[in-house]
Amino acid sequence: MCGYNLVAGSFVRKLMVAGVVLGLVGCAGQQAKDKMASDKAACRAQFPERIGNYHRLAICIDSAEFNYAAAVGGGDNVATDRANVRDQIAKEIDAGQISPEDGKAMLLRGYAQVSAQASAAQSERRREAAMIMLQNGAFQSHPYQAPVPTQTNCTSTKLGFQVQTNCQSY
């Protein structure tokens, strides 16, 4: 359960509020994951694995994964790629082109390939971001340079009742 009690004290209260916010974000992600698991279980109950049901089951699971991706705010591309793999294999199973066992093995390989591509794409985006930052000087060290003190020389000359002072800084 994701419930929290706030305690008195300004600093402690702020600290607790920050903890609650972070905790709720974690709870929201876990709740979305639990909902997806529940939705997938309902799909399997509604569409048992047998010839003629595989594509309908795949579409139902696609929906659960798309809902999860929307709830956690990302992963749409991965969900789409997984759905494409799943749907194609499910159609082939329903058409009798491959066995359900071969389909499951192909599905696992397809998921692994989607994950590898997503990881490679993320690594490429990070590399590109680092290159842009490098080009813009984000990683350059800027050593501290203390201000150079100026030396001032002043000379005063008495001209009658007045004193004239000349100063030079260098």
Protein backbone atom coordinates (compact mmCIF):
# COMPACT_ATOMS: atom_id res chain seq x y z
CA MET A 1 0.00 0.00 0.00
CA CYS A 2 1.27 3.47 -0.78
CA GLY A 3 0.16 5.60 2.19
CA TYR A 4 2.20 8.12 4.17
CA ASN A 5 1.71 10.28 7.28
CA LEU A 6 3.26 13.75 7.49
CA VAL A 7 4.83 14.84 10.77
CA ALA A 8 5.13 18.33 12.24
CA GLY A 9 8.18 20.51 11.65
CA SER A 10 8.92 22.62 8.61
CA PHE A 11 12.11 20.89 7.48
CA VAL A 12 10.86 17.44 8.34
CA ARG A 13 7.56 18.18 6.59
CA LYS A 14 9.33 19.30 3.41
CA LEU A 15 11.53 16.23 3.55
CA MET A 16 8.51 14.01 4.04
CA VAL A 17 6.61 15.69 1.18
CA ALA A 18 9.57 15.07 -1.12
CA GLY A 19 9.64 11.45 0.01
CA VAL A 20 5.91 11.09 -0.55
CA VAL A 21 6.16 12.50 -4.06
CA LEU A 22 9.00 10.15 -4.95
CA GLY A 23 7.17 7.26 -3.31
CA LEU A 24 3.98 7.97 -5.20
CA VAL A 25 5.88 8.07 -8.47
CA GLY A 26 7.28 4.63 -7.61
CA CYS A 27 3.81 3.45 -6.58
CA ALA A 28 2.31 4.70 -9.84
CA GLY A 29 4.88 2.73 -11.83
CA GLN A 30 4.29 -0.39 -9.77
CA GLN A 31 0.52 0.03 -10.00
CA ALA A 32 0.78 0.33 -13.80
CA LYS A 33 2.94 -2.80 -13.91
CA ASP A 34 0.45 -4.67 -11.70
CA LYS A 35 -2.43 -3.50 -13.91
CA MET A 36 -0.61 -4.71 -17.03
CA ALA A 37 -0.01 -8.12 -15.45
CA SER A 38 -3.67 -8.30 -14.46
CA ASP A 39 -4.78 -7.27 -17.97
CA LYS A 40 -2.51 -9.89 -19.56
CA ALA A 41 -3.91 -12.58 -17.24
CA ALA A 42 -7.44 -11.53 -18.28
CA CYS A 43 -6.37 -11.79 -21.93
CA ARG A 44 -5.09 -15.32 -21.40
CA ALA A 45 -8.33 -16.27 -19.64
CA GLN A 46 -10.46 -14.77 -22.42
CA PHE A 47 -8.34 -16.15 -25.28
CA PRO A 48 -6.76 -19.49 -24.27
CA GLU A 49 -3.75 -20.53 -26.30
CA ARG A 50 -5.17 -22.58 -29.14
CA ILE A 51 -5.19 -22.29 -32.90
CA GLY A 52 -7.57 -19.52 -33.90
CA ASN A 53 -7.06 -17.53 -30.67
CA TYR A 54 -3.40 -16.57 -30.92
CA HIS A 55 -3.92 -13.37 -32.93
CA ARG A 56 -6.80 -12.20 -30.72
CA LEU A 57 -4.68 -12.97 -27.65
CA ALA A 58 -1.80 -10.99 -29.19
CA ILE A 59 -4.04 -7.98 -29.83
CA CYS A 60 -5.32 -8.10 -26.25
CA ILE A 61 -1.76 -8.27 -24.87
CA ASP A 62 -0.77 -5.42 -27.22
CA SER A 63 -3.46 -3.29 -25.61
CA ALA A 64 -2.19 -4.10 -22.10
CA GLU A 65 1.37 -3.16 -23.06
CA PHE A 66 0.27 0.06 -24.80
CA ASN A 67 -1.73 1.05 -21.71
CA TYR A 68 1.31 0.38 -19.53
CA ALA A 69 3.57 2.45 -21.81
CA ALA A 70 1.08 5.33 -21.67
CA ALA A 71 0.78 5.10 -17.87
CA VAL A 72 4.52 5.26 -17.23
CA GLY A 73 5.16 7.86 -19.92
CA GLY A 74 7.43 6.15 -22.38
CA GLY A 75 8.30 3.00 -24.19
CA ASP A 76 5.81 3.51 -27.01
CA ASN A 77 8.35 2.47 -29.63
CA VAL A 78 9.29 -0.66 -27.73
CA ALA A 79 5.62 -1.53 -27.17
CA THR A 80 4.92 -1.03 -30.88
CA ASP A 81 7.90 -3.15 -31.93
CA ARG A 82 6.94 -5.93 -29.50
CA ALA A 83 3.34 -5.80 -30.77
CA ASN A 84 4.50 -6.10 -34.38
CA VAL A 85 6.60 -9.17 -33.56
CA ARG A 86 3.83 -10.74 -31.48
CA ASP A 87 1.09 -10.08 -34.05
CA GLN A 88 3.08 -11.49 -36.98
CA ILE A 89 3.97 -14.67 -35.11
CA ALA A 90 0.40 -15.08 -33.82
CA LYS A 91 -0.97 -14.81 -37.38
CA GLU A 92 1.48 -17.47 -38.55
CA ILE A 93 0.47 -19.81 -35.71
CA ASP A 94 -3.25 -19.30 -36.42
CA ALA A 95 -2.62 -19.95 -40.13
CA GLY A 96 -0.84 -23.21 -39.30
CA GLN A 97 2.43 -22.01 -40.81
CA ILE A 98 4.35 -22.60 -37.57
CA SER A 99 3.67 -24.57 -34.41
CA PRO A 100 2.81 -22.83 -31.14
CA GLU A 101 6.09 -24.10 -29.65
CA ASP A 102 8.11 -22.67 -32.56
CA GLY A 103 6.10 -19.48 -32.25
CA LYS A 104 6.99 -19.10 -28.57
CA ALA A 105 10.68 -19.57 -29.35
CA MET A 106 10.45 -17.05 -32.20
CA LEU A 107 8.62 -14.63 -29.89
CA LEU A 108 11.39 -14.79 -27.29
CA ARG A 109 14.04 -14.18 -29.97
CA GLY A 110 11.95 -11.31 -31.35
CA TYR A 111 11.59 -9.73 -27.91
CA ALA A 112 15.34 -10.03 -27.36
CA GLN A 113 15.99 -8.33 -30.69
CA VAL A 114 13.55 -5.50 -29.86
CA SER A 115 15.27 -5.00 -26.49
CA ALA A 116 18.71 -4.98 -28.09
CA GLN A 117 17.60 -2.43 -30.70
CA ALA A 118 16.04 -0.22 -28.01
CA SER A 119 19.22 -0.42 -25.95
CA ALA A 120 21.38 0.41 -28.97
CA ALA A 121 19.14 3.35 -29.88
CA GLN A 122 19.32 4.67 -26.32
CA SER A 123 23.12 4.32 -26.32
CA GLU A 124 23.29 6.18 -29.63
CA ARG A 125 21.13 9.02 -28.27
CA ARG A 126 23.38 9.30 -25.21
CA ARG A 127 26.49 9.34 -27.40
CA GLU A 128 25.00 12.05 -29.62
CA ALA A 129 24.05 14.12 -26.57
CA ALA A 130 27.58 13.78 -25.19
CA MET A 131 29.06 14.86 -28.53
CA ILE A 132 26.85 17.95 -28.63
CA MET A 133 27.81 18.80 -25.07
CA LEU A 134 31.47 18.28 -25.89
CA GLN A 135 31.22 20.55 -28.94
CA ASN A 136 29.57 23.23 -26.80
CA GLY A 137 32.27 23.09 -24.15
CA ALA A 138 30.24 21.38 -21.43
CA PHE A 139 33.10 19.04 -20.50
CA GLN A 140 35.92 21.57 -20.68
CA SER A 141 37.54 22.38 -17.39
CA HIS A 142 37.62 26.03 -16.59
CA PRO A 143 40.31 26.45 -13.92
CA TYR A 144 39.79 29.23 -11.44
CA GLN A 145 41.78 32.30 -12.27
CA ALA A 146 42.21 34.65 -9.40
CA PRO A 147 41.83 38.31 -10.25
CA VAL A 148 45.17 39.97 -10.90
CA PRO A 149 45.67 42.74 -8.40
CA THR A 150 46.44 46.11 -9.91
CA GLN A 151 49.21 48.21 -8.59
CA THR A 152 48.49 51.87 -8.18
CA ASN A 153 51.10 54.57 -7.79
CA CYS A 154 50.04 58.00 -6.77
CA THR A 155 52.09 61.18 -6.60
CA SER A 156 50.94 64.37 -5.02
CA THR A 157 52.28 67.83 -5.86
CA LYS A 158 51.57 70.99 -3.88
CA LEU A 159 50.64 73.90 -6.11
CA GLY A 160 50.14 76.84 -3.85
CA PHE A 161 47.10 76.21 -1.77
CA GLN A 162 46.05 73.18 -3.81
CA VAL A 163 47.38 69.65 -3.93
CA GLN A 164 47.34 67.84 -7.24
CA THR A 165 47.36 64.04 -7.10
CA ASN A 166 48.07 61.82 -10.11
CA CYS A 167 47.55 58.08 -9.88
CA GLN A 168 48.46 55.40 -12.38
CA SER A 169 47.29 51.78 -12.26
CA TYR A 170 49.09 49.00 -14.03
